[in-house]
Amino acid sequence: MAMIIVKEGERMDSALRRFRKAVDKSGVMADLRKKEYFEKPSLKKKRKKAAASKRAARAARAEEKGFSS
């Protein structure tokens, strides 16, 4: 859970901006969007397989160029 402490004399808009940044950094909203609708297990498996192949292709291109991670 993202949490901030409002400082003495801090304006609410700047506190809200810091809170939104904390929420984005924690990944809460991305997780909520992912769980908003039911995803069939077959589609979930297909999405994960596509993401894995995309990561592998990106790693292969990086290795080809001489980068290492």
PDB file of N, CA and C in Angstrom:
ATOM      1  N   MET A   1       0.840  -1.177   0.000  1.00  0.00           N
ATOM      2  CA  MET A   1       0.000   0.000   0.000  1.00  0.00           C
ATOM      3  C   MET A   1       0.883   1.238   0.000  1.00  0.00           C
ATOM      4  N   ALA A   2       0.632   2.136  -0.922  1.00  0.00           N
ATOM      5  CA  ALA A   2       1.392   3.378  -1.004  1.00  0.00           C
ATOM      6  C   ALA A   2       0.921   4.326   0.095  1.00  0.00           C
ATOM      7  N   MET A   3       1.887   4.941   0.774  1.00  0.00           N
ATOM      8  CA  MET A   3       1.537   5.825   1.868  1.00  0.00           C
ATOM      9  C   MET A   3       2.544   6.963   1.933  1.00  0.00           C
ATOM     10  N   ILE A   4       2.055   8.164   2.178  1.00  0.00           N
ATOM     11  CA  ILE A   4       2.937   9.312   2.354  1.00  0.00           C
ATOM     12  C   ILE A   4       2.535  10.042   3.625  1.00  0.00           C
ATOM     13  N   ILE A   5       3.431  10.830   4.146  1.00  0.00           N
ATOM     14  CA  ILE A   5       3.141  11.670   5.306  1.00  0.00           C
ATOM     15  C   ILE A   5       3.125  13.111   4.815  1.00  0.00           C
ATOM     16  N   VAL A   6       2.005  13.785   5.056  1.00  0.00           N
ATOM     17  CA  VAL A   6       1.871  15.175   4.626  1.00  0.00           C
ATOM     18  C   VAL A   6       2.698  16.034   5.571  1.00  0.00           C
ATOM     19  N   LYS A   7       3.597  16.804   4.995  1.00  0.00           N
ATOM     20  CA  LYS A   7       4.494  17.641   5.785  1.00  0.00           C
ATOM     21  C   LYS A   7       3.771  18.897   6.273  1.00  0.00           C
ATOM     22  N   GLU A   8       4.302  19.481   7.311  1.00  0.00           N
ATOM     23  CA  GLU A   8       3.733  20.704   7.892  1.00  0.00           C
ATOM     24  C   GLU A   8       3.767  21.825   6.853  1.00  0.00           C
ATOM     25  N   GLY A   9       2.630  22.416   6.573  1.00  0.00           N
ATOM     26  CA  GLY A   9       2.547  23.527   5.638  1.00  0.00           C
ATOM     27  C   GLY A   9       2.579  23.115   4.170  1.00  0.00           C
ATOM     28  N   GLU A  10       2.541  21.807   3.891  1.00  0.00           N
ATOM     29  CA  GLU A  10       2.577  21.344   2.499  1.00  0.00           C
ATOM     30  C   GLU A  10       1.194  21.486   1.874  1.00  0.00           C
ATOM     31  N   ARG A  11       1.175  21.933   0.653  1.00  0.00           N
ATOM     32  CA  ARG A  11      -0.093  22.086  -0.053  1.00  0.00           C
ATOM     33  C   ARG A  11      -0.630  20.715  -0.434  1.00  0.00           C
ATOM     34  N   MET A  12      -1.954  20.600  -0.490  1.00  0.00           N
ATOM     35  CA  MET A  12      -2.577  19.312  -0.781  1.00  0.00           C
ATOM     36  C   MET A  12      -2.280  18.833  -2.196  1.00  0.00           C
ATOM     37  N   ASP A  13      -2.154  19.760  -3.150  1.00  0.00           N
ATOM     38  CA  ASP A  13      -1.880  19.318  -4.519  1.00  0.00           C
ATOM     39  C   ASP A  13      -0.483  18.694  -4.630  1.00  0.00           C
ATOM     40  N   SER A  14       0.491  19.226  -3.892  1.00  0.00           N
ATOM     41  CA  SER A  14       1.830  18.620  -3.950  1.00  0.00           C
ATOM     42  C   SER A  14       1.844  17.285  -3.206  1.00  0.00           C
ATOM     43  N   ALA A  15       1.064  17.177  -2.121  1.00  0.00           N
ATOM     44  CA  ALA A  15       0.961  15.902  -1.403  1.00  0.00           C
ATOM     45  C   ALA A  15       0.280  14.862  -2.282  1.00  0.00           C
ATOM     46  N   LEU A  16      -0.748  15.276  -3.005  1.00  0.00           N
ATOM     47  CA  LEU A  16      -1.454  14.369  -3.911  1.00  0.00           C
ATOM     48  C   LEU A  16      -0.524  13.918  -5.034  1.00  0.00           C
ATOM     49  N   ARG A  17       0.299  14.839  -5.534  1.00  0.00           N
ATOM     50  CA  ARG A  17       1.257  14.498  -6.589  1.00  0.00           C
ATOM     51  C   ARG A  17       2.254  13.457  -6.080  1.00  0.00           C
ATOM     52  N   ARG A  18       2.746  13.630  -4.843  1.00  0.00           N
ATOM     53  CA  ARG A  18       3.672  12.655  -4.266  1.00  0.00           C
ATOM     54  C   ARG A  18       2.992  11.310  -4.057  1.00  0.00           C
ATOM     55  N   PHE A  19       1.720  11.335  -3.643  1.00  0.00           N
ATOM     56  CA  PHE A  19       0.987  10.089  -3.449  1.00  0.00           C
ATOM     57  C   PHE A  19       0.799   9.351  -4.770  1.00  0.00           C
ATOM     58  N   ARG A  20       0.422  10.070  -5.794  1.00  0.00           N
ATOM     59  CA  ARG A  20       0.238   9.436  -7.111  1.00  0.00           C
ATOM     60  C   ARG A  20       1.536   8.827  -7.614  1.00  0.00           C
ATOM     61  N   LYS A  21       2.650   9.516  -7.395  1.00  0.00           N
ATOM     62  CA  LYS A  21       3.948   8.990  -7.794  1.00  0.00           C
ATOM     63  C   LYS A  21       4.270   7.709  -7.029  1.00  0.00           C
ATOM     64  N   ALA A  22       3.936   7.691  -5.732  1.00  0.00           N
ATOM     65  CA  ALA A  22       4.174   6.501  -4.906  1.00  0.00           C
ATOM     66  C   ALA A  22       3.311   5.334  -5.375  1.00  0.00           C
ATOM     67  N   VAL A  23       2.062   5.623  -5.752  1.00  0.00           N
ATOM     68  CA  VAL A  23       1.162   4.577  -6.244  1.00  0.00           C
ATOM     69  C   VAL A  23       1.685   4.015  -7.564  1.00  0.00           C
ATOM     70  N   ASP A  24       2.128   4.884  -8.453  1.00  0.00           N
ATOM     71  CA  ASP A  24       2.678   4.418  -9.731  1.00  0.00           C
ATOM     72  C   ASP A  24       3.911   3.554  -9.512  1.00  0.00           C
ATOM     73  N   LYS A  25       4.761   3.967  -8.604  1.00  0.00           N
ATOM     74  CA  LYS A  25       6.001   3.237  -8.343  1.00  0.00           C
ATOM     75  C   LYS A  25       5.729   1.864  -7.735  1.00  0.00           C
ATOM     76  N   SER A  26       4.692   1.764  -6.899  1.00  0.00           N
ATOM     77  CA  SER A  26       4.386   0.493  -6.246  1.00  0.00           C
ATOM     78  C   SER A  26       3.697  -0.492  -7.192  1.00  0.00           C
ATOM     79  N   GLY A  27       3.095  -0.007  -8.269  1.00  0.00           N
ATOM     80  CA  GLY A  27       2.463  -0.889  -9.247  1.00  0.00           C
ATOM     81  C   GLY A  27       1.054  -1.315  -8.877  1.00  0.00           C
ATOM     82  N   VAL A  28       0.418  -0.626  -7.963  1.00  0.00           N
ATOM     83  CA  VAL A  28      -0.927  -0.981  -7.521  1.00  0.00           C
ATOM     84  C   VAL A  28      -1.925  -0.826  -8.662  1.00  0.00           C
ATOM     85  N   MET A  29      -1.867   0.287  -9.372  1.00  0.00           N
ATOM     86  CA  MET A  29      -2.839   0.539 -10.437  1.00  0.00           C
ATOM     87  C   MET A  29      -2.668  -0.438 -11.601  1.00  0.00           C
ATOM     88  N   ALA A  30      -1.429  -0.773 -11.935  1.00  0.00           N
ATOM     89  CA  ALA A  30      -1.201  -1.739 -13.012  1.00  0.00           C
ATOM     90  C   ALA A  30      -1.796  -3.092 -12.640  1.00  0.00           C
ATOM     91  N   ASP A  31      -1.650  -3.482 -11.382  1.00  0.00           N
ATOM     92  CA  ASP A  31      -2.210  -4.745 -10.919  1.00  0.00           C
ATOM     93  C   ASP A  31      -3.732  -4.708 -10.959  1.00  0.00           C
ATOM     94  N   LEU A  32      -4.328  -3.585 -10.559  1.00  0.00           N
ATOM     95  CA  LEU A  32      -5.786  -3.464 -10.617  1.00  0.00           C
ATOM     96  C   LEU A  32      -6.303  -3.544 -12.047  1.00  0.00           C
ATOM     97  N   ARG A  33      -5.614  -2.883 -12.966  1.00  0.00           N
ATOM     98  CA  ARG A  33      -6.046  -2.935 -14.368  1.00  0.00           C
ATOM     99  C   ARG A  33      -5.956  -4.358 -14.903  1.00  0.00           C
ATOM    100  N   LYS A  34      -4.912  -5.086 -14.480  1.00  0.00           N
ATOM    101  CA  LYS A  34      -4.736  -6.453 -14.948  1.00  0.00           C
ATOM    102  C   LYS A  34      -5.844  -7.362 -14.425  1.00  0.00           C
ATOM    103  N   LYS A  35      -6.316  -7.090 -13.207  1.00  0.00           N
ATOM    104  CA  LYS A  35      -7.334  -7.931 -12.587  1.00  0.00           C
ATOM    105  C   LYS A  35      -8.744  -7.391 -12.761  1.00  0.00           C
ATOM    106  N   GLU A  36      -8.913  -6.373 -13.584  1.00  0.00           N
ATOM    107  CA  GLU A  36     -10.226  -5.758 -13.762  1.00  0.00           C
ATOM    108  C   GLU A  36     -11.218  -6.730 -14.395  1.00  0.00           C
ATOM    109  N   TYR A  37     -10.762  -7.514 -15.352  1.00  0.00           N
ATOM    110  CA  TYR A  37     -11.607  -8.474 -16.035  1.00  0.00           C
ATOM    111  C   TYR A  37     -10.997  -9.861 -15.904  1.00  0.00           C
ATOM    112  N   PHE A  38     -11.854 -10.873 -15.936  1.00  0.00           N
ATOM    113  CA  PHE A  38     -11.379 -12.245 -15.864  1.00  0.00           C
ATOM    114  C   PHE A  38     -10.630 -12.584 -17.141  1.00  0.00           C
ATOM    115  N   GLU A  39      -9.508 -13.235 -16.980  1.00  0.00           N
ATOM    116  CA  GLU A  39      -8.714 -13.668 -18.126  1.00  0.00           C
ATOM    117  C   GLU A  39      -8.670 -15.187 -18.115  1.00  0.00           C
ATOM    118  N   LYS A  40      -9.112 -15.783 -19.216  1.00  0.00           N
ATOM    119  CA  LYS A  40      -9.119 -17.234 -19.294  1.00  0.00           C
ATOM    120  C   LYS A  40      -7.689 -17.757 -19.150  1.00  0.00           C
ATOM    121  N   PRO A  41      -7.527 -18.920 -18.516  1.00  0.00           N
ATOM    122  CA  PRO A  41      -6.179 -19.472 -18.330  1.00  0.00           C
ATOM    123  C   PRO A  41      -5.413 -19.667 -19.635  1.00  0.00           C
ATOM    124  N   SER A  42      -6.114 -20.028 -20.695  1.00  0.00           N
ATOM    125  CA  SER A  42      -5.431 -20.225 -21.977  1.00  0.00           C
ATOM    126  C   SER A  42      -4.896 -18.900 -22.517  1.00  0.00           C
ATOM    127  N   LEU A  43      -5.664 -17.814 -22.344  1.00  0.00           N
ATOM    128  CA  LEU A  43      -5.207 -16.505 -22.810  1.00  0.00           C
ATOM    129  C   LEU A  43      -4.077 -15.975 -21.938  1.00  0.00           C
ATOM    130  N   LYS A  44      -4.132 -16.272 -20.647  1.00  0.00           N
ATOM    131  CA  LYS A  44      -3.077 -15.856 -19.738  1.00  0.00           C
ATOM    132  C   LYS A  44      -1.761 -16.547 -20.113  1.00  0.00           C
ATOM    133  N   LYS A  45      -1.855 -17.848 -20.419  1.00  0.00           N
ATOM    134  CA  LYS A  45      -0.674 -18.609 -20.822  1.00  0.00           C
ATOM    135  C   LYS A  45      -0.108 -18.071 -22.134  1.00  0.00           C
ATOM    136  N   LYS A  46      -1.004 -17.737 -23.060  1.00  0.00           N
ATOM    137  CA  LYS A  46      -0.597 -17.204 -24.356  1.00  0.00           C
ATOM    138  C   LYS A  46       0.094 -15.853 -24.195  1.00  0.00           C
ATOM    139  N   ARG A  47      -0.443 -14.987 -23.322  1.00  0.00           N
ATOM    140  CA  ARG A  47       0.143 -13.672 -23.080  1.00  0.00           C
ATOM    141  C   ARG A  47       1.517 -13.802 -22.436  1.00  0.00           C
ATOM    142  N   LYS A  48       1.651 -14.705 -21.468  1.00  0.00           N
ATOM    143  CA  LYS A  48       2.939 -14.894 -20.804  1.00  0.00           C
ATOM    144  C   LYS A  48       3.977 -15.465 -21.760  1.00  0.00           C
ATOM    145  N   LYS A  49       3.557 -16.375 -22.646  1.00  0.00           N
ATOM    146  CA  LYS A  49       4.471 -16.958 -23.622  1.00  0.00           C
ATOM    147  C   LYS A  49       4.951 -15.891 -24.607  1.00  0.00           C
ATOM    148  N   ALA A  50       4.053 -15.009 -25.029  1.00  0.00           N
ATOM    149  CA  ALA A  50       4.427 -13.928 -25.941  1.00  0.00           C
ATOM    150  C   ALA A  50       5.395 -12.967 -25.263  1.00  0.00           C
ATOM    151  N   ALA A  51       5.169 -12.667 -23.998  1.00  0.00           N
ATOM    152  CA  ALA A  51       6.067 -11.765 -23.262  1.00  0.00           C
ATOM    153  C   ALA A  51       7.450 -12.400 -23.103  1.00  0.00           C
ATOM    154  N   ALA A  52       7.487 -13.702 -22.854  1.00  0.00           N
ATOM    155  CA  ALA A  52       8.765 -14.400 -22.701  1.00  0.00           C
ATOM    156  C   ALA A  52       9.553 -14.407 -24.009  1.00  0.00           C
ATOM    157  N   SER A  53       8.861 -14.633 -25.122  1.00  0.00           N
ATOM    158  CA  SER A  53       9.559 -14.634 -26.406  1.00  0.00           C
ATOM    159  C   SER A  53      10.047 -13.227 -26.754  1.00  0.00           C
ATOM    160  N   LYS A  54       9.271 -12.219 -26.371  1.00  0.00           N
ATOM    161  CA  LYS A  54       9.673 -10.836 -26.605  1.00  0.00           C
ATOM    162  C   LYS A  54      10.927 -10.501 -25.797  1.00  0.00           C
ATOM    163  N   ARG A  55      10.965 -10.942 -24.519  1.00  0.00           N
ATOM    164  CA  ARG A  55      12.151 -10.723 -23.685  1.00  0.00           C
ATOM    165  C   ARG A  55      13.367 -11.438 -24.265  1.00  0.00           C
ATOM    166  N   ALA A  56      13.164 -12.666 -24.749  1.00  0.00           N
ATOM    167  CA  ALA A  56      14.268 -13.441 -25.313  1.00  0.00           C
ATOM    168  C   ALA A  56      14.807 -12.772 -26.575  1.00  0.00           C
ATOM    169  N   ALA A  57      13.912 -12.265 -27.410  1.00  0.00           N
ATOM    170  CA  ALA A  57      14.337 -11.593 -28.633  1.00  0.00           C
ATOM    171  C   ALA A  57      15.105 -10.318 -28.302  1.00  0.00           C
ATOM    172  N   ARG A  58      14.624  -9.577 -27.309  1.00  0.00           N
ATOM    173  CA  ARG A  58      15.300  -8.348 -26.887  1.00  0.00           C
ATOM    174  C   ARG A  58      16.691  -8.668 -26.340  1.00  0.00           C
ATOM    175  N   ALA A  59      16.796  -9.754 -25.554  1.00  0.00           N
ATOM    176  CA  ALA A  59      18.091 -10.158 -24.996  1.00  0.00           C
ATOM    177  C   ALA A  59      19.041 -10.599 -26.101  1.00  0.00           C
ATOM    178  N   ALA A  60      18.513 -11.293 -27.103  1.00  0.00           N
ATOM    179  CA  ALA A  60      19.350 -11.742 -28.218  1.00  0.00           C
ATOM    180  C   ALA A  60      19.872 -10.554 -29.020  1.00  0.00           C
ATOM    181  N   ARG A  61      19.018  -9.552 -29.234  1.00  0.00           N
ATOM    182  CA  ARG A  61      19.468  -8.364 -29.958  1.00  0.00           C
ATOM    183  C   ARG A  61      20.523  -7.613 -29.154  1.00  0.00           C
ATOM    184  N   ALA A  62      20.329  -7.532 -27.853  1.00  0.00           N
ATOM    185  CA  ALA A  62      21.292  -6.836 -26.996  1.00  0.00           C
ATOM    186  C   ALA A  62      22.626  -7.566 -26.992  1.00  0.00           C
ATOM    187  N   GLU A  63      22.568  -8.894 -26.941  1.00  0.00           N
ATOM    188  CA  GLU A  63      23.790  -9.684 -26.957  1.00  0.00           C
ATOM    189  C   GLU A  63      24.501  -9.552 -28.298  1.00  0.00           C
ATOM    190  N   GLU A  64      23.723  -9.477 -29.370  1.00  0.00           N
ATOM    191  CA  GLU A  64      24.284  -9.322 -30.715  1.00  0.00           C
ATOM    192  C   GLU A  64      25.032  -7.996 -30.847  1.00  0.00           C
ATOM    193  N   LYS A  65      24.500  -6.966 -30.192  1.00  0.00           N
ATOM    194  CA  LYS A  65      25.133  -5.651 -30.256  1.00  0.00           C
ATOM    195  C   LYS A  65      26.291  -5.525 -29.279  1.00  0.00           C
ATOM    196  N   GLY A  66      26.415  -6.471 -28.355  1.00  0.00           N
ATOM    197  CA  GLY A  66      27.533  -6.431 -27.430  1.00  0.00           C
ATOM    198  C   GLY A  66      27.176  -5.957 -26.048  1.00  0.00           C
ATOM    199  N   PHE A  67      25.872  -5.706 -25.790  1.00  0.00           N
ATOM    200  CA  PHE A  67      25.458  -5.301 -24.448  1.00  0.00           C
ATOM    201  C   PHE A  67      25.250  -6.544 -23.612  1.00  0.00           C
ATOM    202  N   SER A  68      25.403  -6.414 -22.327  1.00  0.00           N
ATOM    203  CA  SER A  68      25.086  -7.530 -21.429  1.00  0.00           C
ATOM    204  C   SER A  68      24.310  -6.997 -20.249  1.00  0.00           C
ATOM    205  N   SER A  69      23.351  -7.804 -19.762  1.00  0.00           N
ATOM    206  CA  SER A  69      22.553  -7.359 -18.619  1.00  0.00           C
ATOM    207  C   SER A  69      22.648  -8.307 -17.477  1.00  0.00           C
TER     208      SER A  69
END
